[in-house]
């Protein structure tokens, strides 16, 4: 990370419930890690959201920057908003999240 190389965080595994990471996805509570956002703030590095959606037999990879954020909670909220948009475009894009959170 300090050498400015790419780092990949898969942020879809539920974590212990804490007030700081309490967000909702489609009206249900979801608890994801704030670690990537803490690291980004500490080292002043950007975070990109990567998502894959399907349209008939074609897959689309989207790489979107997460807007600036000042706190890990704010960054996680922006991440979850992009996740919601991804799932609206392809409800099966993240079965793992649905299986582990709902």
C-alpha atoms as a PDB file:
ATOM      1  CA  UNK A   1       0.000   0.000   0.000  1.00  0.00           C
ATOM      2  CA  UNK A   2       2.727   2.428   0.932  1.00  0.00           C
ATOM      3  CA  UNK A   3       4.442   1.655  -2.381  1.00  0.00           C
ATOM      4  CA  UNK A   4       1.259   2.850  -4.167  1.00  0.00           C
ATOM      5  CA  UNK A   5       0.365  -0.603  -5.474  1.00  0.00           C
ATOM      6  CA  UNK A   6      -3.201  -1.795  -5.973  1.00  0.00           C
ATOM      7  CA  UNK A   7      -4.936  -3.338  -2.988  1.00  0.00           C
ATOM      8  CA  UNK A   8      -8.209  -5.246  -3.230  1.00  0.00           C
ATOM      9  CA  UNK A   9     -10.664  -5.479  -0.315  1.00  0.00           C
ATOM     10  CA  UNK A  10     -13.647  -7.773  -0.727  1.00  0.00           C
ATOM     11  CA  UNK A  11     -16.045  -5.999   1.587  1.00  0.00           C
ATOM     12  CA  UNK A  12     -19.121  -8.215   1.636  1.00  0.00           C
ATOM     13  CA  UNK A  13     -18.683 -10.381   4.719  1.00  0.00           C
ATOM     14  CA  UNK A  14     -20.858  -9.331   7.666  1.00  0.00           C
ATOM     15  CA  UNK A  15     -18.953  -7.989  10.659  1.00  0.00           C
ATOM     16  CA  UNK A  16     -19.898  -7.599  14.302  1.00  0.00           C
ATOM     17  CA  UNK A  17     -22.739  -5.143  14.800  1.00  0.00           C
ATOM     18  CA  UNK A  18     -21.484  -1.719  15.904  1.00  0.00           C
ATOM     19  CA  UNK A  19     -23.179   1.645  15.841  1.00  0.00           C
ATOM     20  CA  UNK A  20     -20.464   3.096  13.624  1.00  0.00           C
ATOM     21  CA  UNK A  21     -21.022   0.618  10.796  1.00  0.00           C
ATOM     22  CA  UNK A  22     -24.823   0.483  11.006  1.00  0.00           C
ATOM     23  CA  UNK A  23     -26.255   1.148   7.538  1.00  0.00           C
ATOM     24  CA  UNK A  24     -29.244  -0.102   5.599  1.00  0.00           C
ATOM     25  CA  UNK A  25     -29.530  -1.757   2.218  1.00  0.00           C
ATOM     26  CA  UNK A  26     -33.080  -1.856   0.834  1.00  0.00           C
ATOM     27  CA  UNK A  27     -34.455  -1.123   4.300  1.00  0.00           C
ATOM     28  CA  UNK A  28     -32.560  -3.903   6.093  1.00  0.00           C
ATOM     29  CA  UNK A  29     -29.608  -3.394   8.431  1.00  0.00           C
ATOM     30  CA  UNK A  30     -26.264  -4.343   6.919  1.00  0.00           C
ATOM     31  CA  UNK A  31     -22.951  -4.463   8.765  1.00  0.00           C
ATOM     32  CA  UNK A  32     -19.802  -4.251   6.634  1.00  0.00           C
ATOM     33  CA  UNK A  33     -16.232  -3.423   7.550  1.00  0.00           C
ATOM     34  CA  UNK A  34     -15.039   0.162   7.744  1.00  0.00           C
ATOM     35  CA  UNK A  35     -11.392  -0.952   7.447  1.00  0.00           C
ATOM     36  CA  UNK A  36     -10.901   0.000   3.775  1.00  0.00           C
ATOM     37  CA  UNK A  37     -12.194   3.491   4.508  1.00  0.00           C
ATOM     38  CA  UNK A  38     -10.016   3.890   7.610  1.00  0.00           C
ATOM     39  CA  UNK A  39      -6.963   2.915   5.551  1.00  0.00           C
ATOM     40  CA  UNK A  40      -7.946   5.285   2.741  1.00  0.00           C
ATOM     41  CA  UNK A  41      -8.246   8.213   5.151  1.00  0.00           C
ATOM     42  CA  UNK A  42      -5.018   7.401   6.990  1.00  0.00           C
ATOM     43  CA  UNK A  43      -2.896   7.077   3.842  1.00  0.00           C
ATOM     44  CA  UNK A  44      -4.856   9.484   1.612  1.00  0.00           C
ATOM     45  CA  UNK A  45      -5.584   6.921  -1.078  1.00  0.00           C
ATOM     46  CA  UNK A  46      -8.685   6.671  -3.273  1.00  0.00           C
ATOM     47  CA  UNK A  47     -11.151   3.811  -3.173  1.00  0.00           C
ATOM     48  CA  UNK A  48     -12.719   2.359  -6.289  1.00  0.00           C
ATOM     49  CA  UNK A  49     -15.950   0.366  -6.307  1.00  0.00           C
ATOM     50  CA  UNK A  50     -15.806  -2.617  -8.658  1.00  0.00           C
ATOM     51  CA  UNK A  51     -19.020  -4.333  -9.650  1.00  0.00           C
ATOM     52  CA  UNK A  52     -20.083  -6.864 -12.270  1.00  0.00           C
ATOM     53  CA  UNK A  53     -23.580  -6.919 -13.746  1.00  0.00           C
ATOM     54  CA  UNK A  54     -25.173  -9.184 -16.323  1.00  0.00           C
ATOM     55  CA  UNK A  55     -27.397  -8.192 -19.183  1.00  0.00           C
ATOM     56  CA  UNK A  56     -28.633 -11.264 -21.027  1.00  0.00           C
ATOM     57  CA  UNK A  57     -25.399 -13.089 -21.932  1.00  0.00           C
ATOM     58  CA  UNK A  58     -23.107 -10.133 -21.514  1.00  0.00           C
ATOM     59  CA  UNK A  59     -21.202  -9.128 -18.385  1.00  0.00           C
ATOM     60  CA  UNK A  60     -20.239  -5.547 -17.617  1.00  0.00           C
ATOM     61  CA  UNK A  61     -17.490  -4.582 -15.215  1.00  0.00           C
ATOM     62  CA  UNK A  62     -17.933  -1.160 -13.639  1.00  0.00           C
ATOM     63  CA  UNK A  63     -15.099   0.590 -11.840  1.00  0.00           C
ATOM     64  CA  UNK A  64     -16.340   3.702 -10.094  1.00  0.00           C
ATOM     65  CA  UNK A  65     -14.483   6.044  -7.763  1.00  0.00           C
ATOM     66  CA  UNK A  66     -16.090   6.553  -4.387  1.00  0.00           C
ATOM     67  CA  UNK A  67     -16.557  10.277  -3.802  1.00  0.00           C
ATOM     68  CA  UNK A  68     -14.481  11.961  -1.125  1.00  0.00           C
ATOM     69  CA  UNK A  69     -15.422  11.144   2.456  1.00  0.00           C
ATOM     70  CA  UNK A  70     -14.222  12.421   5.817  1.00  0.00           C
ATOM     71  CA  UNK A  71     -15.121   9.509   8.072  1.00  0.00           C
ATOM     72  CA  UNK A  72     -15.120   5.738   7.634  1.00  0.00           C
ATOM     73  CA  UNK A  73     -18.890   5.722   8.254  1.00  0.00           C
ATOM     74  CA  UNK A  74     -19.430   8.235   5.441  1.00  0.00           C
ATOM     75  CA  UNK A  75     -17.209   6.214   3.063  1.00  0.00           C
ATOM     76  CA  UNK A  76     -19.017   2.989   3.910  1.00  0.00           C
ATOM     77  CA  UNK A  77     -22.351   4.726   3.279  1.00  0.00           C
ATOM     78  CA  UNK A  78     -21.195   5.760  -0.194  1.00  0.00           C
ATOM     79  CA  UNK A  79     -19.981   2.220  -0.860  1.00  0.00           C
ATOM     80  CA  UNK A  80     -23.360   0.780   0.162  1.00  0.00           C
ATOM     81  CA  UNK A  81     -25.164   3.303  -2.083  1.00  0.00           C
ATOM     82  CA  UNK A  82     -23.107   2.064  -5.058  1.00  0.00           C
ATOM     83  CA  UNK A  83     -23.821  -1.518  -4.024  1.00  0.00           C
ATOM     84  CA  UNK A  84     -27.559  -0.766  -3.989  1.00  0.00           C
ATOM     85  CA  UNK A  85     -27.327   0.728  -7.472  1.00  0.00           C
ATOM     86  CA  UNK A  86     -25.476  -2.356  -8.701  1.00  0.00           C
ATOM     87  CA  UNK A  87     -28.122  -4.664  -7.230  1.00  0.00           C
ATOM     88  CA  UNK A  88     -30.940  -2.617  -8.784  1.00  0.00           C
ATOM     89  CA  UNK A  89     -29.338  -3.166 -12.195  1.00  0.00           C
ATOM     90  CA  UNK A  90     -28.734  -6.872 -11.590  1.00  0.00           C
ATOM     91  CA  UNK A  91     -30.399  -8.387  -8.492  1.00  0.00           C
ATOM     92  CA  UNK A  92     -28.219 -11.496  -8.780  1.00  0.00           C
ATOM     93  CA  UNK A  93     -24.948  -9.556  -8.971  1.00  0.00           C
ATOM     94  CA  UNK A  94     -24.131 -10.302  -5.359  1.00  0.00           C
ATOM     95  CA  UNK A  95     -25.862 -13.422  -4.145  1.00  0.00           C
ATOM     96  CA  UNK A  96     -23.252 -13.687  -1.385  1.00  0.00           C
ATOM     97  CA  UNK A  97     -24.379 -10.421   0.185  1.00  0.00           C
ATOM     98  CA  UNK A  98     -28.019 -11.476   0.086  1.00  0.00           C
ATOM     99  CA  UNK A  99     -27.244 -14.888   1.581  1.00  0.00           C
ATOM    100  CA  UNK A 100     -25.227 -13.425   4.450  1.00  0.00           C
ATOM    101  CA  UNK A 101     -27.208 -10.308   5.294  1.00  0.00           C
ATOM    102  CA  UNK A 102     -30.882 -11.011   4.611  1.00  0.00           C
END
